[in-house]
């Protein structure tokens, strides 16, 4: 039987018997912190261009040396950029920064230049990447390793610099397909 349409990919089980829909439903029950991953594309014109991406698949990997990991969809703007740019930034978003997370997660979004236009940020000393003002924490990283894993690439970065711009507020969380706050 042949089927077609937008839901075909989610309904067809993989060889192991788990559909995309089942997997998404299970993973949506895992809460995650929300970060903005940023980089400065030095190849984009005379002054370069900033790029950003909302991520929930971000975690600490090692204390010694300090390593973190972010999962990027293969072929995405950020995946392509971090293939060429070895240094990048991360801003750990607070619950009051939900609008920033939503803005950088939109499909069919406007240019990155316009996305950063009214967001307060500083430029990282090491990475040159935008670091969101008022974030709970900021990290500047250098890519140590890239591991292709299915339709994503796991980028492991050595943390070169940490900032703690704001001690106020709770983290922005993502759970069951929505941004949430701690209760």
C-alpha atoms as a PDB file:
ATOM      1  CA  UNK A   1       0.000   0.000   0.000  1.00  0.00           C
ATOM      2  CA  UNK A   2       1.357   3.400  -0.957  1.00  0.00           C
ATOM      3  CA  UNK A   3       0.497   6.479   1.052  1.00  0.00           C
ATOM      4  CA  UNK A   4       1.310  10.097   0.511  1.00  0.00           C
ATOM      5  CA  UNK A   5       0.895  13.366   2.292  1.00  0.00           C
ATOM      6  CA  UNK A   6       2.606  15.339   5.032  1.00  0.00           C
ATOM      7  CA  UNK A   7       2.011  12.771   7.816  1.00  0.00           C
ATOM      8  CA  UNK A   8       3.493   9.813   5.966  1.00  0.00           C
ATOM      9  CA  UNK A   9       6.953  10.166   7.524  1.00  0.00           C
ATOM     10  CA  UNK A  10       5.570  10.206  11.066  1.00  0.00           C
ATOM     11  CA  UNK A  11       3.305   7.177  10.645  1.00  0.00           C
ATOM     12  CA  UNK A  12       5.754   4.758   8.995  1.00  0.00           C
ATOM     13  CA  UNK A  13       7.688   2.804  11.619  1.00  0.00           C
ATOM     14  CA  UNK A  14      11.440   2.511  11.320  1.00  0.00           C
ATOM     15  CA  UNK A  15      12.969  -0.970  11.074  1.00  0.00           C
ATOM     16  CA  UNK A  16      12.966  -1.108  14.880  1.00  0.00           C
ATOM     17  CA  UNK A  17       9.195  -0.417  14.997  1.00  0.00           C
ATOM     18  CA  UNK A  18       9.155   3.102  16.492  1.00  0.00           C
ATOM     19  CA  UNK A  19       7.483   5.842  14.470  1.00  0.00           C
ATOM     20  CA  UNK A  20       8.694   9.439  14.419  1.00  0.00           C
ATOM     21  CA  UNK A  21       5.442  10.425  16.114  1.00  0.00           C
ATOM     22  CA  UNK A  22       5.952   7.950  18.984  1.00  0.00           C
ATOM     23  CA  UNK A  23       9.547   9.044  19.447  1.00  0.00           C
ATOM     24  CA  UNK A  24       8.589  12.750  19.488  1.00  0.00           C
ATOM     25  CA  UNK A  25       5.817  12.071  22.012  1.00  0.00           C
ATOM     26  CA  UNK A  26       8.203  10.234  24.328  1.00  0.00           C
ATOM     27  CA  UNK A  27      10.930  12.886  24.057  1.00  0.00           C
ATOM     28  CA  UNK A  28       8.425  15.720  24.629  1.00  0.00           C
ATOM     29  CA  UNK A  29       8.067  14.426  28.173  1.00  0.00           C
ATOM     30  CA  UNK A  30      11.707  15.208  28.896  1.00  0.00           C
ATOM     31  CA  UNK A  31      12.061  18.779  30.127  1.00  0.00           C
ATOM     32  CA  UNK A  32      15.019  20.787  28.892  1.00  0.00           C
ATOM     33  CA  UNK A  33      16.570  24.164  29.453  1.00  0.00           C
ATOM     34  CA  UNK A  34      16.505  26.609  26.552  1.00  0.00           C
ATOM     35  CA  UNK A  35      19.593  28.315  25.151  1.00  0.00           C
ATOM     36  CA  UNK A  36      20.407  30.592  22.260  1.00  0.00           C
ATOM     37  CA  UNK A  37      23.436  29.371  20.295  1.00  0.00           C
ATOM     38  CA  UNK A  38      25.136  32.201  18.414  1.00  0.00           C
ATOM     39  CA  UNK A  39      28.078  32.737  16.114  1.00  0.00           C
ATOM     40  CA  UNK A  40      29.585  35.516  14.065  1.00  0.00           C
ATOM     41  CA  UNK A  41      29.976  34.610  10.397  1.00  0.00           C
ATOM     42  CA  UNK A  42      33.157  36.389   9.358  1.00  0.00           C
ATOM     43  CA  UNK A  43      32.703  35.329   5.717  1.00  0.00           C
ATOM     44  CA  UNK A  44      29.406  37.218   5.327  1.00  0.00           C
ATOM     45  CA  UNK A  45      30.578  40.534   3.953  1.00  0.00           C
ATOM     46  CA  UNK A  46      33.072  43.103   5.212  1.00  0.00           C
ATOM     47  CA  UNK A  47      31.831  43.171   8.802  1.00  0.00           C
ATOM     48  CA  UNK A  48      30.389  39.669   8.935  1.00  0.00           C
ATOM     49  CA  UNK A  49      26.943  38.663  10.113  1.00  0.00           C
ATOM     50  CA  UNK A  50      25.535  37.310  13.367  1.00  0.00           C
ATOM     51  CA  UNK A  51      23.507  34.101  13.440  1.00  0.00           C
ATOM     52  CA  UNK A  52      21.458  32.514  16.200  1.00  0.00           C
ATOM     53  CA  UNK A  53      19.450  29.382  16.895  1.00  0.00           C
ATOM     54  CA  UNK A  54      17.261  28.290  19.799  1.00  0.00           C
ATOM     55  CA  UNK A  55      18.316  24.918  21.206  1.00  0.00           C
ATOM     56  CA  UNK A  56      17.008  22.580  23.868  1.00  0.00           C
ATOM     57  CA  UNK A  57      19.483  19.765  23.159  1.00  0.00           C
ATOM     58  CA  UNK A  58      22.363  21.375  25.044  1.00  0.00           C
ATOM     59  CA  UNK A  59      24.238  19.881  27.974  1.00  0.00           C
ATOM     60  CA  UNK A  60      27.400  19.704  30.011  1.00  0.00           C
ATOM     61  CA  UNK A  61      29.742  16.905  28.903  1.00  0.00           C
ATOM     62  CA  UNK A  62      32.864  17.229  31.075  1.00  0.00           C
ATOM     63  CA  UNK A  63      34.215  19.293  33.949  1.00  0.00           C
ATOM     64  CA  UNK A  64      37.905  18.664  33.196  1.00  0.00           C
ATOM     65  CA  UNK A  65      38.274  19.952  30.569  1.00  0.00           C
ATOM     66  CA  UNK A  66      35.062  22.010  30.542  1.00  0.00           C
ATOM     67  CA  UNK A  67      33.056  20.677  27.585  1.00  0.00           C
ATOM     68  CA  UNK A  68      29.482  21.208  26.429  1.00  0.00           C
ATOM     69  CA  UNK A  69      27.468  19.712  23.589  1.00  0.00           C
ATOM     70  CA  UNK A  70      24.752  21.052  21.321  1.00  0.00           C
ATOM     71  CA  UNK A  71      22.784  19.047  18.772  1.00  0.00           C
ATOM     72  CA  UNK A  72      22.265  20.747  15.398  1.00  0.00           C
ATOM     73  CA  UNK A  73      20.040  19.612  12.533  1.00  0.00           C
ATOM     74  CA  UNK A  74      22.248  18.566   9.616  1.00  0.00           C
ATOM     75  CA  UNK A  75      22.328  21.214   6.904  1.00  0.00           C
ATOM     76  CA  UNK A  76      20.836  23.934   9.115  1.00  0.00           C
ATOM     77  CA  UNK A  77      22.283  27.439   8.986  1.00  0.00           C
ATOM     78  CA  UNK A  78      23.984  26.934  12.370  1.00  0.00           C
ATOM     79  CA  UNK A  79      25.356  23.513  11.423  1.00  0.00           C
ATOM     80  CA  UNK A  80      26.855  24.967   8.254  1.00  0.00           C
ATOM     81  CA  UNK A  81      28.226  27.991  10.103  1.00  0.00           C
ATOM     82  CA  UNK A  82      29.825  26.001  12.934  1.00  0.00           C
ATOM     83  CA  UNK A  83      31.486  23.783  10.341  1.00  0.00           C
ATOM     84  CA  UNK A  84      33.506  26.861   9.293  1.00  0.00           C
ATOM     85  CA  UNK A  85      33.554  29.007  12.435  1.00  0.00           C
ATOM     86  CA  UNK A  86      35.425  27.308  15.298  1.00  0.00           C
ATOM     87  CA  UNK A  87      34.202  29.622  18.088  1.00  0.00           C
ATOM     88  CA  UNK A  88      30.627  30.275  19.146  1.00  0.00           C
ATOM     89  CA  UNK A  89      28.504  31.453  22.043  1.00  0.00           C
ATOM     90  CA  UNK A  90      25.656  30.190  24.198  1.00  0.00           C
ATOM     91  CA  UNK A  91      23.207  32.236  26.269  1.00  0.00           C
ATOM     92  CA  UNK A  92      21.202  30.324  28.899  1.00  0.00           C
ATOM     93  CA  UNK A  93      17.793  31.992  28.684  1.00  0.00           C
ATOM     94  CA  UNK A  94      15.635  32.995  31.632  1.00  0.00           C
ATOM     95  CA  UNK A  95      11.866  32.613  31.760  1.00  0.00           C
ATOM     96  CA  UNK A  96      11.510  36.327  30.922  1.00  0.00           C
ATOM     97  CA  UNK A  97      13.331  35.713  27.620  1.00  0.00           C
ATOM     98  CA  UNK A  98      10.724  33.410  26.090  1.00  0.00           C
ATOM     99  CA  UNK A  99      10.214  35.889  23.232  1.00  0.00           C
ATOM    100  CA  UNK A 100      13.884  35.515  22.260  1.00  0.00           C
ATOM    101  CA  UNK A 101      13.614  31.722  22.173  1.00  0.00           C
ATOM    102  CA  UNK A 102      10.463  31.893  20.061  1.00  0.00           C
ATOM    103  CA  UNK A 103      11.941  34.429  17.676  1.00  0.00           C
ATOM    104  CA  UNK A 104      15.017  32.331  16.870  1.00  0.00           C
ATOM    105  CA  UNK A 105      13.019  29.079  16.619  1.00  0.00           C
ATOM    106  CA  UNK A 106      10.500  30.300  14.021  1.00  0.00           C
ATOM    107  CA  UNK A 107      10.254  28.446  10.726  1.00  0.00           C
ATOM    108  CA  UNK A 108      10.531  30.700   7.711  1.00  0.00           C
ATOM    109  CA  UNK A 109      11.916  33.423   9.928  1.00  0.00           C
ATOM    110  CA  UNK A 110      13.325  36.745   8.858  1.00  0.00           C
ATOM    111  CA  UNK A 111      17.058  37.354   8.488  1.00  0.00           C
ATOM    112  CA  UNK A 112      19.321  36.909  11.494  1.00  0.00           C
ATOM    113  CA  UNK A 113      20.329  40.566  11.262  1.00  0.00           C
ATOM    114  CA  UNK A 114      16.732  41.630  11.915  1.00  0.00           C
ATOM    115  CA  UNK A 115      16.288  39.035  14.668  1.00  0.00           C
ATOM    116  CA  UNK A 116      19.092  40.605  16.708  1.00  0.00           C
ATOM    117  CA  UNK A 117      17.957  44.161  16.005  1.00  0.00           C
ATOM    118  CA  UNK A 118      16.159  44.962  19.290  1.00  0.00           C
ATOM    119  CA  UNK A 119      17.718  42.362  21.597  1.00  0.00           C
ATOM    120  CA  UNK A 120      20.266  43.679  24.100  1.00  0.00           C
ATOM    121  CA  UNK A 121      23.522  41.777  23.752  1.00  0.00           C
ATOM    122  CA  UNK A 122      27.242  42.100  24.158  1.00  0.00           C
ATOM    123  CA  UNK A 123      29.831  40.674  21.828  1.00  0.00           C
ATOM    124  CA  UNK A 124      31.864  37.817  23.288  1.00  0.00           C
ATOM    125  CA  UNK A 125      35.500  38.688  23.951  1.00  0.00           C
ATOM    126  CA  UNK A 126      36.747  35.344  22.629  1.00  0.00           C
ATOM    127  CA  UNK A 127      34.127  34.317  20.071  1.00  0.00           C
ATOM    128  CA  UNK A 128      32.824  37.635  18.789  1.00  0.00           C
ATOM    129  CA  UNK A 129      29.379  36.010  19.005  1.00  0.00           C
ATOM    130  CA  UNK A 130      26.376  37.901  20.397  1.00  0.00           C
ATOM    131  CA  UNK A 131      25.683  37.009  24.052  1.00  0.00           C
ATOM    132  CA  UNK A 132      22.188  37.930  25.243  1.00  0.00           C
ATOM    133  CA  UNK A 133      21.979  40.589  27.945  1.00  0.00           C
ATOM    134  CA  UNK A 134      20.219  39.400  31.095  1.00  0.00           C
ATOM    135  CA  UNK A 135      20.818  35.717  30.310  1.00  0.00           C
ATOM    136  CA  UNK A 136      21.302  33.482  33.345  1.00  0.00           C
ATOM    137  CA  UNK A 137      24.726  32.470  32.018  1.00  0.00           C
ATOM    138  CA  UNK A 138      26.826  32.852  28.883  1.00  0.00           C
ATOM    139  CA  UNK A 139      29.518  30.573  27.530  1.00  0.00           C
ATOM    140  CA  UNK A 140      32.033  31.047  24.752  1.00  0.00           C
ATOM    141  CA  UNK A 141      33.159  27.801  23.166  1.00  0.00           C
ATOM    142  CA  UNK A 142      35.577  26.397  20.616  1.00  0.00           C
ATOM    143  CA  UNK A 143      34.544  23.303  18.676  1.00  0.00           C
ATOM    144  CA  UNK A 144      36.576  20.269  19.710  1.00  0.00           C
ATOM    145  CA  UNK A 145      34.634  17.542  17.934  1.00  0.00           C
ATOM    146  CA  UNK A 146      31.695  17.000  15.577  1.00  0.00           C
ATOM    147  CA  UNK A 147      29.828  13.696  15.563  1.00  0.00           C
ATOM    148  CA  UNK A 148      27.184  12.962  12.943  1.00  0.00           C
ATOM    149  CA  UNK A 149      24.268  11.196  14.627  1.00  0.00           C
ATOM    150  CA  UNK A 150      21.353  10.440  12.291  1.00  0.00           C
ATOM    151  CA  UNK A 151      19.834  13.674  10.998  1.00  0.00           C
ATOM    152  CA  UNK A 152      21.761  15.799  13.530  1.00  0.00           C
ATOM    153  CA  UNK A 153      25.372  16.640  14.324  1.00  0.00           C
ATOM    154  CA  UNK A 154      26.565  16.732  17.916  1.00  0.00           C
ATOM    155  CA  UNK A 155      28.977  19.626  18.334  1.00  0.00           C
ATOM    156  CA  UNK A 156      31.216  19.317  21.381  1.00  0.00           C
ATOM    157  CA  UNK A 157      32.817  22.572  22.441  1.00  0.00           C
ATOM    158  CA  UNK A 158      35.483  23.483  24.959  1.00  0.00           C
ATOM    159  CA  UNK A 159      34.272  26.312  27.180  1.00  0.00           C
ATOM    160  CA  UNK A 160      36.771  29.158  26.934  1.00  0.00           C
ATOM    161  CA  UNK A 161      34.938  31.819  28.925  1.00  0.00           C
ATOM    162  CA  UNK A 162      31.896  31.949  31.201  1.00  0.00           C
ATOM    163  CA  UNK A 163      29.777  34.934  32.154  1.00  0.00           C
ATOM    164  CA  UNK A 164      27.018  35.233  34.750  1.00  0.00           C
ATOM    165  CA  UNK A 165      25.209  38.398  33.631  1.00  0.00           C
ATOM    166  CA  UNK A 166      22.066  37.817  35.716  1.00  0.00           C
ATOM    167  CA  UNK A 167      21.483  35.911  38.921  1.00  0.00           C
ATOM    168  CA  UNK A 168      17.812  36.839  38.859  1.00  0.00           C
ATOM    169  CA  UNK A 169      15.002  34.770  37.466  1.00  0.00           C
ATOM    170  CA  UNK A 170      14.368  31.134  36.763  1.00  0.00           C
ATOM    171  CA  UNK A 171      15.394  29.201  33.672  1.00  0.00           C
ATOM    172  CA  UNK A 172      13.224  28.976  30.587  1.00  0.00           C
ATOM    173  CA  UNK A 173      12.177  25.344  30.143  1.00  0.00           C
ATOM    174  CA  UNK A 174      10.763  23.358  27.239  1.00  0.00           C
ATOM    175  CA  UNK A 175       8.293  20.548  27.982  1.00  0.00           C
ATOM    176  CA  UNK A 176       5.582  18.847  25.902  1.00  0.00           C
ATOM    177  CA  UNK A 177       6.203  21.101  22.934  1.00  0.00           C
ATOM    178  CA  UNK A 178       5.893  24.414  24.803  1.00  0.00           C
ATOM    179  CA  UNK A 179       8.063  26.875  26.671  1.00  0.00           C
ATOM    180  CA  UNK A 180       7.422  26.637  30.410  1.00  0.00           C
ATOM    181  CA  UNK A 181       8.607  28.118  33.654  1.00  0.00           C
ATOM    182  CA  UNK A 182       9.347  26.457  36.961  1.00  0.00           C
ATOM    183  CA  UNK A 183       6.448  26.481  39.392  1.00  0.00           C
END
